[in-house]
Structures are given as structure tokens and as C-alpha cells.
């Protein structure tokens, strides 16, 4: 576990194994352990599937997936999810999952496992390690917009297959698992979890570039709004459809091929708006994508200069655009952002993730964190009867990417 030294990953692994020993067998011992982090999206809200750039970072909140070979005589894959309050044990027959797609929403942990098993069935070249018994535990908060599902699917892929030739194969398998479970995601979340640290993600090429910004004494805080969200149950699918419709109409108007909505220039957008070539709602969606794409470029330059004050301003502008033009936020999240912004030292705040709930992302000096927590409790959490809840504000450090832990270390769990 040296890669994850000083983090919560080992505790999650121990909890997973304990759950399996309680539910499956007292002597259950994994022969492989995969650890995958959650992520925060720094800038680039909803532009990845529009072919635009995103700045994202893996964070020190992890999912651990411990796996043991079940032997050829065992036809079923058994799963234990330590953090599920009920129905936390399941037996799955991967042979029945070739055409499986989830028909209910929101997806459960078991649905993501089913999706991953189905994806492996279509990829025999990956040498799937099936059947297996699995134990899952972690501390990536669910419903925060920290991509717990991406971390889960990346971890499952690494735990259950051996034949990956490239990181992209891991990402695409994890994405397929999410799609099968009912989450219509892109590949940015999985890419950030796998790569670790801070990345620049190119939504057009799906390329990943690792960055090494220096935060100094600043931190990113993630504050819970209390409104649980699920990507598969949100209006995310509608925004994907609206973006595609806006792209089709822009292509017809200009009479040229345009690979992605993010390729639309500010000048071309102005023409579309002046000529009323897009319905108002689609014009708003397109404006967000065009302006957010520009913000990511400006944010990357600010990050490289160490100009975090400018970066914070761009974060705040991104959140406002996501709420007003893309209409993907939630009134409670916007109230949380409004409570955070006046706190002395706060450089920027915005809604984060797919939207319609989840968390706010806040950039501030580490020594201002107590003032932030006090202000949020007074201005937001007390008003929503949340003040006595634990774990409302998380200070996040950048973390290493997903990995398989060596066999010798697994044996010491």
C-alpha cells in the first residue's frame, strides 16, 4: 500500500475484507486488491461530451475492491458491499449478462458490478478473472458529484482483468459498465481516477495530459448540499441530447462539418444567436459550452502561473453559467455557493459534477477552512436541519491514480 501511504485506502481495504469474512467465509482472503480514487472537476462542466477540455483531479477518497478467485467449479460471482445498508450481498452469473442493461434508476452498486461483468464477457482478450468473490468498501461520498461510480468501475476493471494493453482500455471498459448500469457518462471521470493527480482531459480525443500545479497553502473544499444526486436519474441525459441537437442545427446552418459543439467559435455563436438559428434553450446550452471551453483554457494558464485568485474567479463564473445557461444546478447548491463566497479568503466556489444536487467546490487557504465551516453551518446547514450531520465539508488533497496492490501486500491485509 506504499502508493497510498498516508491516505484512507488501507482502512477501506481492511473494511472490505472484514465484510467478506463476515458474509462469505471466516477465512476469506483476497488474491488481488484494486484501489481507485474519486475525483473533483476543477473547470469544464459538461463540456467533455461536447468535445471540450476539462481540468480535473483525483482526490484522497478511495474505493477498494478486494477479489479472490472463486475456482472453476463455482459458476457465480459473489459480491459483498460493506457500505450498502441492506442487500449488500449478491450472487451474479456473468453468463446471463451478455445483453444486460439496467432498467431501473438510480443504479445500485450491484448494477455497476453487473455492467462490468457484462463488459468483460464481451472482451475475452482481457483474460477475465471470473468467477470471483468480491468485497467493496470506500470513502468516496455517494451523491456528492465525486464520481464514486467511476472509481468503482475502474477499480472493478483492475481487480477482474489482466490483459489491458493501454490505460484507454481500462477507461472504456469502466465507461461501458456505467452505461450498462444506466449512467450516460463520458470518459473524463474514469480517466482522472486512473491517471491520478491533476489532468487536462481532451473531450475530443479522450486524451489525458498530466499537470503538476502547485497549490501552495490552498485547498479545495467539497461541501455537501444535502441534496443527493444520481447521474443516471438527473437531467444529464437531456443535456446530452440538447447538445447534440444544437450541434446538428449549427452544422446545417453553416453548411460544414463540425465534430463537436465545443468547436463552435464565439463569433459563430454570435451569428447563430443574431439569426435566431437555435431555439432559445439550445442557444443557452451552446453559449455555456463555448464560454466554458474558453474558461478552461484561461484556467489552465492561470494554474500554470500560480494565479489561483484568477482561477477562483473562473470557477465562480463556471458555476453561474452552469446554473443559468446550462440549468444543471440546484437551488440548494446555489444557496451553498452563496454562503461560501463571502467567507474571507475564499477565492472561488461553484456547483460541481452532473448537477441537480451534490456538492459545491470551494477554493480557499487551508487556514481559512475553520471559518468556512463555521459560516456554512450558520448560513446554510442550520437552516436546513443539517448542522448535526458529520462529514459535511471535506478538504481534498490530490491523490495517486488507481492501481492494483501487489500480492505480498494483499496477503498482509
Protein backbone atom coordinates (compact mmCIF):
# COMPACT_ATOMS: atom_id res chain seq x y z
CA UNK A 1 0.00 0.00 0.00
CA UNK A 2 3.02 2.29 -0.29
CA UNK A 3 1.46 4.12 -3.23
CA UNK A 4 -1.42 5.17 -0.98
CA UNK A 5 0.58 5.75 2.21
CA UNK A 6 -0.97 8.32 4.49
CA UNK A 7 -4.41 8.01 2.91
CA UNK A 8 -7.61 6.20 3.86
CA UNK A 9 -7.14 3.48 1.22
CA UNK A 10 -5.81 0.85 3.64
CA UNK A 11 -8.72 1.37 6.03
CA UNK A 12 -11.17 0.85 3.18
CA UNK A 13 -9.36 -2.33 2.14
CA UNK A 14 -9.45 -3.71 5.67
CA UNK A 15 -13.17 -2.93 5.93
CA UNK A 16 -13.86 -4.69 2.63
CA UNK A 17 -12.05 -7.84 3.73
CA UNK A 18 -13.81 -7.81 7.10
CA UNK A 19 -17.19 -7.60 5.35
CA UNK A 20 -16.33 -10.57 3.13
CA UNK A 21 -15.15 -12.64 6.09
CA UNK A 22 -18.40 -11.87 7.87
CA UNK A 23 -20.67 -12.59 4.90
CA UNK A 24 -18.84 -15.25 2.88
CA UNK A 25 -16.28 -17.18 4.91
CA UNK A 26 -14.27 -16.53 8.05
CA UNK A 27 -11.02 -17.36 6.23
CA UNK A 28 -11.80 -15.40 3.04
CA UNK A 29 -8.56 -13.96 1.68
CA UNK A 30 -8.19 -11.82 -1.44
CA UNK A 31 -5.53 -12.53 -4.02
CA UNK A 32 -5.87 -9.09 -5.59
CA UNK A 33 -6.73 -5.62 -4.37
CA UNK A 34 -7.51 -2.64 -6.58
CA UNK A 35 -7.77 0.91 -5.23
CA UNK A 36 -9.32 3.77 -7.22
CA UNK A 37 -9.81 7.41 -6.18
CA UNK A 38 -12.75 9.72 -6.65
CA UNK A 39 -12.24 12.98 -8.49
CA UNK A 40 -13.08 16.64 -8.45
CA UNK A 41 -13.82 18.57 -11.60
CA UNK A 42 -11.93 21.85 -11.34
CA UNK A 43 -13.19 23.52 -14.53
CA UNK A 44 -15.05 22.36 -17.62
CA UNK A 45 -18.56 21.50 -16.51
CA UNK A 46 -20.46 19.41 -19.08
CA UNK A 47 -18.04 20.09 -21.92
CA UNK A 48 -16.34 16.68 -22.02
CA UNK A 49 -19.11 15.00 -24.03
CA UNK A 50 -19.25 18.13 -26.18
CA UNK A 51 -15.65 17.63 -27.28
CA UNK A 52 -14.23 20.29 -24.99
CA UNK A 53 -11.42 20.36 -22.42
CA UNK A 54 -11.71 19.69 -18.69
CA UNK A 55 -9.38 20.24 -15.76
CA UNK A 56 -9.88 17.53 -13.14
CA UNK A 57 -8.04 15.94 -10.24
CA UNK A 58 -8.03 12.63 -8.40
CA UNK A 59 -8.62 13.13 -4.68
CA UNK A 60 -7.72 11.29 -1.50
CA UNK A 61 -11.03 9.47 -1.17
CA UNK A 62 -10.94 5.87 -2.41
CA UNK A 63 -12.85 2.73 -3.25
CA UNK A 64 -11.10 -0.56 -2.52
CA UNK A 65 -12.10 -3.73 -4.36
CA UNK A 66 -10.68 -6.95 -2.95
CA UNK A 67 -11.05 -10.02 -5.17
CA UNK A 68 -10.46 -13.74 -4.79
CA UNK A 69 -10.55 -16.42 -7.46
CA UNK A 70 -13.67 -18.49 -6.86
CA UNK A 71 -12.39 -21.51 -8.80
CA UNK A 72 -13.77 -23.01 -11.98
CA UNK A 73 -16.28 -25.13 -10.07
CA UNK A 74 -18.07 -22.01 -8.78
CA UNK A 75 -20.33 -20.63 -11.53
CA UNK A 76 -21.32 -17.46 -9.69
CA UNK A 77 -19.53 -14.25 -8.83
CA UNK A 78 -20.34 -13.28 -5.26
CA UNK A 79 -20.20 -9.66 -4.15
CA UNK A 80 -20.17 -8.04 -0.73
CA UNK A 81 -20.56 -4.26 -0.47
CA UNK A 82 -19.54 -3.16 3.01
CA UNK A 83 -21.14 0.27 2.74
CA UNK A 84 -24.57 -0.72 1.47
CA UNK A 85 -27.12 -0.53 4.32
CA UNK A 86 -29.09 -3.51 3.02
CA UNK A 87 -28.98 -6.09 0.24
CA UNK A 88 -25.23 -5.88 0.48
CA UNK A 89 -24.57 -9.44 -0.66
CA UNK A 90 -25.33 -10.64 -4.18
CA UNK A 91 -24.61 -13.66 -6.37
CA UNK A 92 -24.26 -12.92 -10.07
CA UNK A 93 -23.95 -15.28 -13.03
CA UNK A 94 -21.92 -13.42 -15.65
CA UNK A 95 -23.00 -15.95 -18.31
CA UNK A 96 -26.51 -14.44 -18.26
CA UNK A 97 -25.37 -10.81 -18.63
CA UNK A 98 -24.25 -10.54 -22.27
CA UNK A 99 -27.14 -8.25 -23.24
CA UNK A 100 -27.87 -6.85 -19.81
CA UNK A 101 -28.94 -3.22 -19.44
CA UNK A 102 -30.33 -1.74 -16.25
CA UNK A 103 -34.00 -0.80 -16.50
CA UNK A 104 -34.35 0.93 -13.13
CA UNK A 105 -32.91 4.12 -11.74
CA UNK A 106 -30.84 5.16 -9.92
CA UNK A 107 -28.23 2.41 -10.37
CA UNK A 108 -27.01 0.45 -7.35
CA UNK A 109 -23.56 -0.88 -6.58
CA UNK A 110 -24.74 -4.28 -7.77
CA UNK A 111 -25.84 -2.77 -11.09
CA UNK A 112 -22.35 -1.40 -11.71
CA UNK A 113 -20.86 -4.81 -10.94
CA UNK A 114 -23.32 -6.40 -13.38
CA UNK A 115 -22.33 -3.83 -16.02
CA UNK A 116 -18.64 -4.57 -15.52
CA UNK A 117 -19.17 -8.33 -15.72
CA UNK A 118 -21.17 -7.89 -18.92
CA UNK A 119 -18.41 -5.75 -20.41
CA UNK A 120 -15.82 -8.39 -19.55
CA UNK A 121 -17.92 -11.06 -21.24
CA UNK A 122 -17.51 -9.10 -24.49
CA UNK A 123 -13.73 -8.84 -24.01
CA UNK A 124 -12.26 -12.32 -23.60
CA UNK A 125 -8.84 -10.95 -24.62
CA UNK A 126 -8.66 -9.23 -21.24
CA UNK A 127 -8.38 -12.62 -19.53
CA UNK A 128 -11.24 -12.01 -17.07
CA UNK A 129 -10.60 -13.40 -13.61
CA UNK A 130 -14.04 -14.96 -13.32
CA UNK A 131 -15.82 -16.31 -11.44
CA UNK A 132 -14.63 -14.45 -8.38
CA UNK A 133 -15.73 -13.27 -5.00
CA UNK A 134 -15.57 -9.52 -4.43
CA UNK A 135 -15.58 -7.22 -1.43
CA UNK A 136 -16.08 -3.48 -1.88
CA UNK A 137 -15.64 -0.61 0.58
CA UNK A 138 -14.63 3.01 0.38
CA UNK A 139 -14.98 6.59 1.49
CA UNK A 140 -15.84 8.37 -1.77
CA UNK A 141 -19.08 10.09 -0.72
CA UNK A 142 -22.03 8.94 -2.83
CA UNK A 143 -24.20 11.67 -4.34
CA UNK A 144 -21.55 14.39 -3.93
CA UNK A 145 -20.54 14.51 -7.59
CA UNK A 146 -17.13 12.99 -6.77
CA UNK A 147 -17.56 10.15 -9.28
CA UNK A 148 -17.93 7.27 -6.87
CA UNK A 149 -19.36 5.18 -9.73
CA UNK A 150 -16.32 5.84 -11.93
CA UNK A 151 -13.96 4.91 -9.10
CA UNK A 152 -15.97 1.74 -8.52
CA UNK A 153 -15.93 0.69 -12.17
CA UNK A 154 -12.23 1.48 -12.66
CA UNK A 155 -11.42 -0.49 -9.52
CA UNK A 156 -13.58 -3.42 -10.64
CA UNK A 157 -11.89 -3.45 -14.05
CA UNK A 158 -8.42 -3.60 -12.48
CA UNK A 159 -9.49 -6.24 -9.98
CA UNK A 160 -11.11 -8.56 -12.51
CA UNK A 161 -8.96 -8.42 -15.65
CA UNK A 162 -5.31 -8.90 -16.57
CA UNK A 163 -4.97 -8.19 -20.26
CA UNK A 164 -5.15 -4.38 -20.53
CA UNK A 165 -2.71 -3.13 -23.17
CA UNK A 166 -3.37 0.58 -22.58
CA UNK A 167 -4.99 2.81 -19.96
CA UNK A 168 -7.68 3.63 -22.52
CA UNK A 169 -8.88 0.03 -22.42
CA UNK A 170 -9.48 0.32 -18.68
CA UNK A 171 -11.33 3.61 -19.15
CA UNK A 172 -13.57 2.30 -21.92
CA UNK A 173 -14.49 -0.86 -20.03
CA UNK A 174 -15.35 1.18 -16.94
CA UNK A 175 -17.41 3.58 -19.07
CA UNK A 176 -19.31 0.68 -20.63
CA UNK A 177 -20.10 -0.67 -17.18
CA UNK A 178 -21.58 2.70 -16.21
CA UNK A 179 -23.57 2.90 -19.44
CA UNK A 180 -24.99 -0.58 -18.91
CA UNK A 181 -25.94 0.38 -15.35
CA UNK A 182 -27.79 3.45 -16.63
CA UNK A 183 -25.27 6.27 -16.23
CA UNK A 184 -24.72 8.05 -19.59
CA UNK A 185 -21.24 9.36 -18.77
CA UNK A 186 -18.24 10.36 -20.82
CA UNK A 187 -14.71 9.17 -20.03
CA UNK A 188 -13.29 12.11 -18.07
CA UNK A 189 -14.19 10.73 -14.64
CA UNK A 190 -12.62 7.33 -15.26
CA UNK A 191 -9.56 8.97 -16.85
CA UNK A 192 -9.00 11.17 -13.80
CA UNK A 193 -9.38 8.23 -11.41
CA UNK A 194 -6.92 6.13 -13.39
CA UNK A 195 -4.33 8.83 -14.07
CA UNK A 196 -4.20 10.45 -10.65
CA UNK A 197 -3.05 13.96 -9.77
CA UNK A 198 -4.32 16.82 -11.93
CA UNK A 199 -5.16 16.20 -15.57
CA UNK A 200 -6.14 18.15 -18.63
CA UNK A 201 -8.71 15.97 -20.38
CA UNK A 202 -9.48 16.49 -24.06
CA UNK A 203 -13.09 15.60 -24.73
CA UNK A 204 -12.46 15.49 -28.50
CA UNK A 205 -9.61 12.97 -28.48
CA UNK A 206 -10.17 11.49 -24.99
CA UNK A 207 -6.51 12.28 -24.41
CA UNK A 208 -5.09 12.88 -20.93
CA UNK A 209 -2.23 15.19 -20.06
CA UNK A 210 -0.87 15.14 -16.52
CA UNK A 211 -0.27 18.54 -14.95
CA UNK A 212 1.74 19.45 -11.85
CA UNK A 213 0.28 22.66 -10.38
CA UNK A 214 1.47 23.95 -7.03
CA UNK A 215 -1.44 24.76 -4.74
CA UNK A 216 0.80 26.14 -2.04
CA UNK A 217 -1.26 26.63 1.12
CA UNK A 218 -4.57 26.42 -0.75
CA UNK A 219 -7.05 23.55 -0.67
CA UNK A 220 -10.19 22.54 -2.50
CA UNK A 221 -13.09 22.00 -0.11
CA UNK A 222 -16.09 19.92 -1.12
CA UNK A 223 -19.25 20.90 0.78
CA UNK A 224 -22.34 18.69 0.86
CA UNK A 225 -25.61 20.36 -0.10
CA UNK A 226 -27.68 17.57 1.40
CA UNK A 227 -29.38 17.04 -1.95
CA UNK A 228 -28.41 13.60 -3.19
CA UNK A 229 -27.90 13.29 -6.88
CA UNK A 230 -27.59 10.44 -9.34
CA UNK A 231 -26.20 10.98 -12.80
CA UNK A 232 -28.46 8.33 -14.26
CA UNK A 233 -31.56 9.92 -12.71
CA UNK A 234 -30.73 13.58 -13.39
CA UNK A 235 -31.35 15.77 -16.43
CA UNK A 236 -27.84 14.93 -17.60
CA UNK A 237 -29.22 12.69 -20.40
CA UNK A 238 -31.43 15.57 -21.56
CA UNK A 239 -28.47 17.95 -21.67
CA UNK A 240 -26.54 15.42 -23.76
CA UNK A 241 -29.49 15.22 -26.18
CA UNK A 242 -29.91 19.01 -26.29
CA UNK A 243 -26.23 19.48 -27.04
CA UNK A 244 -26.41 17.03 -29.93
CA UNK A 245 -29.48 18.81 -31.27
CA UNK A 246 -27.73 22.19 -31.07
CA UNK A 247 -24.71 20.73 -32.88
CA UNK A 248 -26.87 19.29 -35.67
CA UNK A 249 -28.61 22.64 -36.17
CA UNK A 250 -25.31 24.53 -36.20
CA UNK A 251 -23.90 22.14 -38.79
CA UNK A 252 -26.88 22.66 -41.06
CA UNK A 253 -26.80 26.43 -40.63
CA UNK A 254 -23.13 26.80 -41.53
CA UNK A 255 -23.15 24.00 -44.07
CA UNK A 256 -19.95 22.43 -42.80
CA UNK A 257 -18.85 19.53 -40.70
CA UNK A 258 -18.38 20.43 -37.05
CA UNK A 259 -17.13 17.49 -34.99
CA UNK A 260 -18.23 18.81 -31.60
CA UNK A 261 -20.26 21.64 -30.11
CA UNK A 262 -17.10 22.87 -28.38
CA UNK A 263 -15.65 23.55 -31.86
CA UNK A 264 -18.16 26.36 -32.27
CA UNK A 265 -16.37 29.70 -32.06
CA UNK A 266 -17.63 32.70 -30.14
CA UNK A 267 -18.11 34.52 -33.45
CA UNK A 268 -20.15 31.68 -34.91
CA UNK A 269 -22.24 31.51 -31.76
CA UNK A 270 -22.98 35.23 -32.08
CA UNK A 271 -24.17 34.66 -35.66
CA UNK A 272 -26.44 31.80 -34.60
CA UNK A 273 -27.93 33.98 -31.86
CA UNK A 274 -28.36 37.02 -34.10
CA UNK A 275 -30.07 34.95 -36.79
CA UNK A 276 -32.14 33.07 -34.18
CA UNK A 277 -30.93 29.85 -35.79
CA UNK A 278 -31.27 27.98 -32.50
CA UNK A 279 -34.26 27.85 -30.15
CA UNK A 280 -33.59 29.90 -27.03
CA UNK A 281 -32.95 26.88 -24.83
CA UNK A 282 -30.43 25.40 -27.26
CA UNK A 283 -28.73 28.77 -27.68
CA UNK A 284 -28.22 28.91 -23.92
CA UNK A 285 -26.75 25.42 -23.88
CA UNK A 286 -24.39 26.31 -26.73
CA UNK A 287 -23.28 29.54 -25.06
CA UNK A 288 -22.36 27.69 -21.90
CA UNK A 289 -20.28 25.17 -23.85
CA UNK A 290 -18.46 27.84 -25.86
CA UNK A 291 -17.74 30.05 -22.85
CA UNK A 292 -16.83 27.13 -20.57
CA UNK A 293 -14.35 25.90 -23.16
CA UNK A 294 -12.69 29.32 -23.10
CA UNK A 295 -12.70 29.32 -19.29
CA UNK A 296 -10.80 26.03 -19.19
CA UNK A 297 -8.09 27.48 -21.40
CA UNK A 298 -7.86 30.57 -19.23
CA UNK A 299 -7.90 28.42 -16.09
CA UNK A 300 -5.03 26.28 -17.31
CA UNK A 301 -2.94 29.39 -17.98
CA UNK A 302 -3.79 30.77 -14.54
CA UNK A 303 -2.92 27.44 -12.92
CA UNK A 304 0.44 27.33 -14.65
CA UNK A 305 1.20 30.89 -13.48
CA UNK A 306 0.12 30.06 -9.95
CA UNK A 307 -2.58 32.72 -10.24
CA UNK A 308 -5.13 30.96 -8.07
CA UNK A 309 -7.10 34.16 -7.48
CA UNK A 310 -7.85 34.25 -11.21
CA UNK A 311 -8.58 30.53 -11.18
CA UNK A 312 -11.10 31.06 -8.40
CA UNK A 313 -12.85 33.78 -10.39
CA UNK A 314 -13.15 31.38 -13.32
CA UNK A 315 -14.57 28.70 -11.02
CA UNK A 316 -17.28 31.06 -9.82
CA UNK A 317 -18.13 32.12 -13.37
CA UNK A 318 -18.30 28.47 -14.41
CA UNK A 319 -20.81 27.73 -11.66
CA UNK A 320 -23.01 30.67 -12.59
CA UNK A 321 -23.05 29.62 -16.23
CA UNK A 322 -23.84 26.02 -15.26
CA UNK A 323 -26.78 27.26 -13.20
CA UNK A 324 -28.20 29.89 -15.54
CA UNK A 325 -27.29 28.84 -19.10
CA UNK A 326 -26.97 25.09 -18.78
CA UNK A 327 -29.55 24.92 -15.99
CA UNK A 328 -27.95 21.89 -14.39
CA UNK A 329 -27.56 23.11 -10.82
CA UNK A 330 -30.00 23.06 -7.88
CA UNK A 331 -31.30 25.98 -5.76
CA UNK A 332 -29.86 24.40 -2.62
CA UNK A 333 -26.42 24.06 -4.18
CA UNK A 334 -26.55 27.66 -5.34
CA UNK A 335 -27.51 28.73 -1.81
CA UNK A 336 -24.50 26.82 -0.50
CA UNK A 337 -22.22 28.57 -3.00
CA UNK A 338 -23.69 31.93 -1.99
CA UNK A 339 -22.96 31.14 1.67
CA UNK A 340 -19.33 30.25 0.87
CA UNK A 341 -18.31 33.12 -1.40
CA UNK A 342 -18.33 35.94 1.24
CA UNK A 343 -16.07 33.99 3.63
CA UNK A 344 -12.72 35.81 3.96
CA UNK A 345 -10.08 34.02 1.93
CA UNK A 346 -12.44 32.14 -0.40
CA UNK A 347 -11.16 32.58 -3.97
CA UNK A 348 -13.99 30.84 -5.81
CA UNK A 349 -16.94 28.48 -5.45
CA UNK A 350 -19.18 26.59 -7.83
CA UNK A 351 -21.53 23.68 -8.25
CA UNK A 352 -19.72 20.56 -9.33
CA UNK A 353 -20.43 17.42 -11.27
CA UNK A 354 -23.51 16.36 -13.17
CA UNK A 355 -25.73 18.75 -11.27
CA UNK A 356 -29.13 18.83 -9.59
CA UNK A 357 -27.67 18.32 -6.16
CA UNK A 358 -24.41 17.01 -4.86
CA UNK A 359 -21.70 19.35 -3.66
CA UNK A 360 -20.13 22.74 -4.01
CA UNK A 361 -16.42 23.07 -4.77
CA UNK A 362 -14.62 25.85 -2.92
CA UNK A 363 -11.04 27.12 -3.29
CA UNK A 364 -9.52 28.72 -0.21
CA UNK A 365 -6.42 28.86 2.01
CA UNK A 366 -6.15 25.90 4.35
CA UNK A 367 -6.12 28.14 7.41
CA UNK A 368 -9.46 29.64 6.32
CA UNK A 369 -11.19 26.24 6.44
CA UNK A 370 -12.47 26.62 10.04
CA UNK A 371 -14.06 29.97 9.13
CA UNK A 372 -15.66 28.39 6.07
CA UNK A 373 -17.13 25.52 8.08
CA UNK A 374 -18.48 27.91 10.72
CA UNK A 375 -20.06 30.14 8.08
CA UNK A 376 -21.65 27.24 6.22
CA UNK A 377 -23.09 25.84 9.44
CA UNK A 378 -24.61 29.21 10.32
CA UNK A 379 -25.77 30.33 6.88
CA UNK A 380 -26.76 27.00 5.33
CA UNK A 381 -26.61 23.82 7.40
CA UNK A 382 -28.52 25.16 10.40
CA UNK A 383 -31.27 26.44 8.08
CA UNK A 384 -31.65 23.01 6.50
CA UNK A 385 -31.50 20.99 9.74
CA UNK A 386 -28.13 19.54 8.80
CA UNK A 387 -25.86 21.08 11.42
CA UNK A 388 -25.53 17.86 13.43
CA UNK A 389 -24.51 15.71 10.46
CA UNK A 390 -20.87 14.56 10.25
CA UNK A 391 -18.74 14.83 7.14
CA UNK A 392 -20.37 17.85 5.58
CA UNK A 393 -17.16 19.52 4.40
CA UNK A 394 -14.19 17.59 3.01
CA UNK A 395 -10.78 19.15 2.45
CA UNK A 396 -9.30 17.36 -0.53
CA UNK A 397 -5.69 16.66 -1.43
CA UNK A 398 -4.61 15.47 -4.85
CA UNK A 399 -4.10 11.70 -4.90
CA UNK A 400 -2.34 8.98 -6.91
CA UNK A 401 -4.24 7.19 -9.62
CA UNK A 402 -5.91 3.79 -9.46
CA UNK A 403 -3.65 0.78 -9.08
CA UNK A 404 -3.51 -2.90 -8.29
CA UNK A 405 -1.78 -3.59 -5.00
CA UNK A 406 0.94 -6.22 -5.09
CA UNK A 407 0.20 -9.76 -3.94
CA UNK A 408 2.55 -9.58 -0.98
CA UNK A 409 0.72 -6.53 0.33
CA UNK A 410 -2.69 -8.18 -0.15
CA UNK A 411 -1.53 -11.10 2.00
CA UNK A 412 -0.78 -8.71 4.83
CA UNK A 413 -4.36 -7.38 4.97
